[in-house]
Amino acid sequence: MLIRLITALCLILTAACGQEAAVESAGEAASRPQPAAAEPAASAEAPLGRRPAPPGAMAYIVEPADGATVGSPVRVVFGLRGAGVTPAGIEREDAGHHHLLIDTEPPDFNLPIPADANHVHFGGGQTETEIELSPGRHTLRLLLGDHLHVPHDPPVMSEPVTIEVR
C-alpha cells in the first residue's frame, strides 16, 4: 500500500513539473545509482552551462593535411594548444576531451555534443585515431568538450580539413 502511495505521489509531482515519468518500484529506484547533485546528468534536450574556454585555446588537426589524398583507414592526429586533455567525466577548468566531427556542421554549442557516426567522442582522452571512410571527399573538424561533452564558451574548434579518400 505504501509503495502505491509513493508511486502515485511521484507521478503527480512529475506531471506537475511537465516531465514524463517511468514507473518503477521503490526497491528499483533505491538500488539504482543516482547522479551527484554537483554534476547534473547531460541531456540532449536541456541546455547546460558552458564553461569558459581557456584564453587562447585552439584545436587543430595535425594530420591529415587539408587537401590531402589518403587511403582508408585515415589516421587523424589531434592538436590542442592552450588547454589540457582529460577524459570525459573528469572536471577541470582548463581542459576537455576531443570530438571528431565528420561530414557535418558544428552542433548546438549549448547542448552536449551528440554521439553518432558524424560526432565521434574520444572520452578516454585520446589524441589520435584511425577511421574508416568511404572513397570520396570528406570534411573533418575537432571540437573540444568539457567533462559533460558540452563545448566551451567560446568553442575550442579546429578549422575544417577537407580530404579526398581514394
Protein backbone atom coordinates (compact mmCIF):
# COMPACT_ATOMS: atom_id res chain seq x y z
CA MET A 1 0.00 0.00 0.00
CA LEU A 2 2.81 2.41 0.91
CA ILE A 3 4.63 1.69 -2.36
CA ARG A 4 1.47 2.51 -4.34
CA LEU A 5 1.02 5.75 -2.42
CA ILE A 6 4.65 6.77 -3.02
CA THR A 7 4.41 5.86 -6.73
CA ALA A 8 1.17 7.87 -7.11
CA LEU A 9 2.72 10.87 -5.35
CA CYS A 10 5.81 10.70 -7.62
CA LEU A 11 3.60 10.57 -10.72
CA ILE A 12 1.60 13.59 -9.56
CA LEU A 13 4.74 15.61 -8.78
CA THR A 14 6.36 14.64 -12.07
CA ALA A 15 3.25 15.60 -14.04
CA ALA A 16 3.14 18.94 -12.24
CA CYS A 17 6.70 19.63 -13.41
CA GLY A 18 5.77 18.83 -17.02
CA GLN A 19 8.12 15.82 -17.23
CA GLU A 20 7.40 12.22 -18.21
CA ALA A 21 7.92 9.53 -15.57
CA ALA A 22 8.92 5.93 -15.82
CA VAL A 23 7.05 3.89 -13.22
CA GLU A 24 9.29 1.65 -11.17
CA SER A 25 9.13 0.03 -7.76
CA ALA A 26 10.64 1.78 -4.76
CA GLY A 27 13.24 -1.01 -4.48
CA GLU A 28 14.43 -0.47 -8.06
CA ALA A 29 14.73 3.28 -7.55
CA ALA A 30 16.68 2.88 -4.31
CA SER A 31 19.15 0.38 -5.81
CA ARG A 32 19.93 2.42 -8.94
CA PRO A 33 22.93 4.81 -8.62
CA GLN A 34 21.81 8.43 -8.59
CA PRO A 35 23.74 11.28 -10.25
CA ALA A 36 25.64 13.52 -7.87
CA ALA A 37 23.95 16.84 -7.21
CA ALA A 38 27.08 18.73 -8.31
CA GLU A 39 27.08 17.08 -11.76
CA PRO A 40 23.67 17.14 -13.46
CA ALA A 41 23.07 14.39 -15.98
CA ALA A 42 23.73 15.53 -19.54
CA SER A 43 20.59 15.79 -21.64
CA ALA A 44 20.23 16.36 -25.34
CA GLU A 45 17.06 18.35 -24.58
CA ALA A 46 18.08 20.84 -21.89
CA PRO A 47 20.94 23.34 -22.23
CA LEU A 48 23.77 23.07 -19.72
CA GLY A 49 26.03 25.83 -18.51
CA ARG A 50 29.07 26.27 -20.73
CA ARG A 51 32.50 26.57 -19.19
CA PRO A 52 34.75 29.41 -20.30
CA ALA A 53 37.42 28.32 -22.77
CA PRO A 54 40.99 28.75 -21.58
CA PRO A 55 42.31 32.04 -23.02
CA GLY A 56 43.94 31.47 -26.40
CA ALA A 57 42.98 27.78 -26.57
CA MET A 58 42.82 26.33 -30.05
CA ALA A 59 42.22 22.91 -31.57
CA TYR A 60 43.68 21.83 -34.91
CA ILE A 61 44.19 18.72 -36.99
CA VAL A 62 47.87 17.81 -37.33
CA GLU A 63 47.26 15.01 -39.80
CA PRO A 64 45.91 14.64 -42.48
CA ALA A 65 46.67 17.96 -44.12
CA ASP A 66 43.90 20.00 -45.69
CA GLY A 67 43.56 18.94 -49.34
CA ALA A 68 45.40 15.61 -48.86
CA THR A 69 44.50 12.46 -50.79
CA VAL A 70 44.63 9.47 -48.44
CA GLY A 71 43.69 5.82 -48.22
CA SER A 72 41.33 4.33 -45.65
CA PRO A 73 41.67 3.85 -42.75
CA VAL A 74 42.57 7.50 -42.29
CA ARG A 75 44.96 8.38 -39.48
CA VAL A 76 43.82 11.56 -37.73
CA VAL A 77 46.16 13.26 -35.25
CA PHE A 78 44.58 15.85 -32.95
CA GLY A 79 46.28 19.08 -31.95
CA LEU A 80 45.43 21.30 -28.98
CA ARG A 81 47.18 24.44 -27.75
CA GLY A 82 46.44 26.41 -24.58
CA ALA A 83 44.30 23.69 -22.95
CA GLY A 84 44.78 20.24 -21.50
CA VAL A 85 43.26 16.91 -22.43
CA THR A 86 41.34 14.97 -19.77
CA PRO A 87 38.98 12.01 -20.05
CA ALA A 88 35.21 12.58 -20.07
CA GLY A 89 33.84 12.82 -16.56
CA ILE A 90 37.00 14.46 -15.19
CA GLU A 91 36.13 18.06 -14.36
CA ARG A 92 38.97 20.53 -14.91
CA GLU A 93 38.53 24.20 -15.85
CA ASP A 94 41.35 24.39 -18.38
CA ALA A 95 40.80 21.06 -20.15
CA GLY A 96 38.42 18.82 -22.06
CA HIS A 97 38.37 15.93 -24.49
CA HIS A 98 38.21 15.72 -28.28
CA HIS A 99 35.22 15.08 -30.53
CA LEU A 100 35.78 14.48 -34.23
CA LEU A 101 33.08 15.92 -36.49
CA ILE A 102 32.90 14.03 -39.78
CA ASP A 103 30.98 15.47 -42.73
CA THR A 104 28.73 17.58 -40.50
CA GLU A 105 28.24 21.13 -39.34
CA PRO A 106 29.09 22.03 -35.74
CA PRO A 107 26.31 21.06 -33.29
CA ASP A 108 24.36 23.37 -30.97
CA PHE A 109 27.08 24.65 -28.62
CA ASN A 110 24.62 24.91 -25.68
CA LEU A 111 23.96 21.15 -25.63
CA PRO A 112 26.15 18.09 -25.14
CA ILE A 113 27.81 17.01 -28.39
CA PRO A 114 25.81 14.14 -29.93
CA ALA A 115 27.41 10.70 -30.18
CA ASP A 116 26.89 9.14 -33.61
CA ALA A 117 28.76 8.31 -36.80
CA ASN A 118 29.27 12.03 -37.54
CA HIS A 119 30.18 13.07 -33.97
CA VAL A 120 32.84 10.67 -32.66
CA HIS A 121 33.72 11.01 -28.97
CA PHE A 122 37.20 10.45 -27.58
CA GLY A 123 36.24 10.40 -23.92
CA GLY A 124 39.31 8.44 -22.93
CA GLY A 125 41.48 11.48 -23.66
CA GLN A 126 42.80 10.07 -26.96
CA THR A 127 44.79 12.40 -29.19
CA GLU A 128 44.74 10.37 -32.41
CA THR A 129 42.67 7.73 -34.17
CA GLU A 130 42.22 5.74 -37.36
CA ILE A 131 38.82 5.94 -39.02
CA GLU A 132 37.33 4.05 -41.95
CA LEU A 133 35.96 6.44 -44.57
CA SER A 134 34.38 5.61 -47.91
CA PRO A 135 36.06 6.80 -51.11
CA GLY A 136 35.30 10.43 -51.90
CA ARG A 137 35.54 13.87 -50.33
CA HIS A 138 35.22 14.22 -46.54
CA THR A 139 35.42 17.11 -44.09
CA LEU A 140 36.91 16.67 -40.61
CA ARG A 141 36.83 19.07 -37.67
CA LEU A 142 37.76 18.82 -33.97
CA LEU A 143 35.59 20.20 -31.16
CA LEU A 144 36.71 20.15 -27.53
CA GLY A 145 34.05 19.27 -24.96
CA ASP A 146 34.10 19.58 -21.18
CA HIS A 147 33.60 16.70 -18.73
CA LEU A 148 29.91 16.55 -19.75
CA HIS A 149 30.62 16.79 -23.54
CA VAL A 150 29.45 20.43 -23.70
CA PRO A 151 31.56 22.77 -25.89
CA HIS A 152 33.41 25.59 -24.14
CA ASP A 153 32.49 29.28 -24.49
CA PRO A 154 33.76 30.26 -27.00
CA PRO A 155 34.03 26.83 -28.61
CA VAL A 156 37.53 25.38 -28.97
CA MET A 157 37.15 24.09 -32.51
CA SER A 158 39.52 23.47 -35.39
CA GLU A 159 39.22 24.80 -38.89
CA PRO A 160 37.73 22.19 -41.21
CA VAL A 161 40.11 19.89 -43.07
CA THR A 162 38.85 18.55 -46.40
CA ILE A 163 40.42 15.34 -47.68
CA GLU A 164 39.92 13.01 -50.63
CA VAL A 165 39.81 9.29 -49.79
CA ARG A 166 40.79 7.03 -52.68
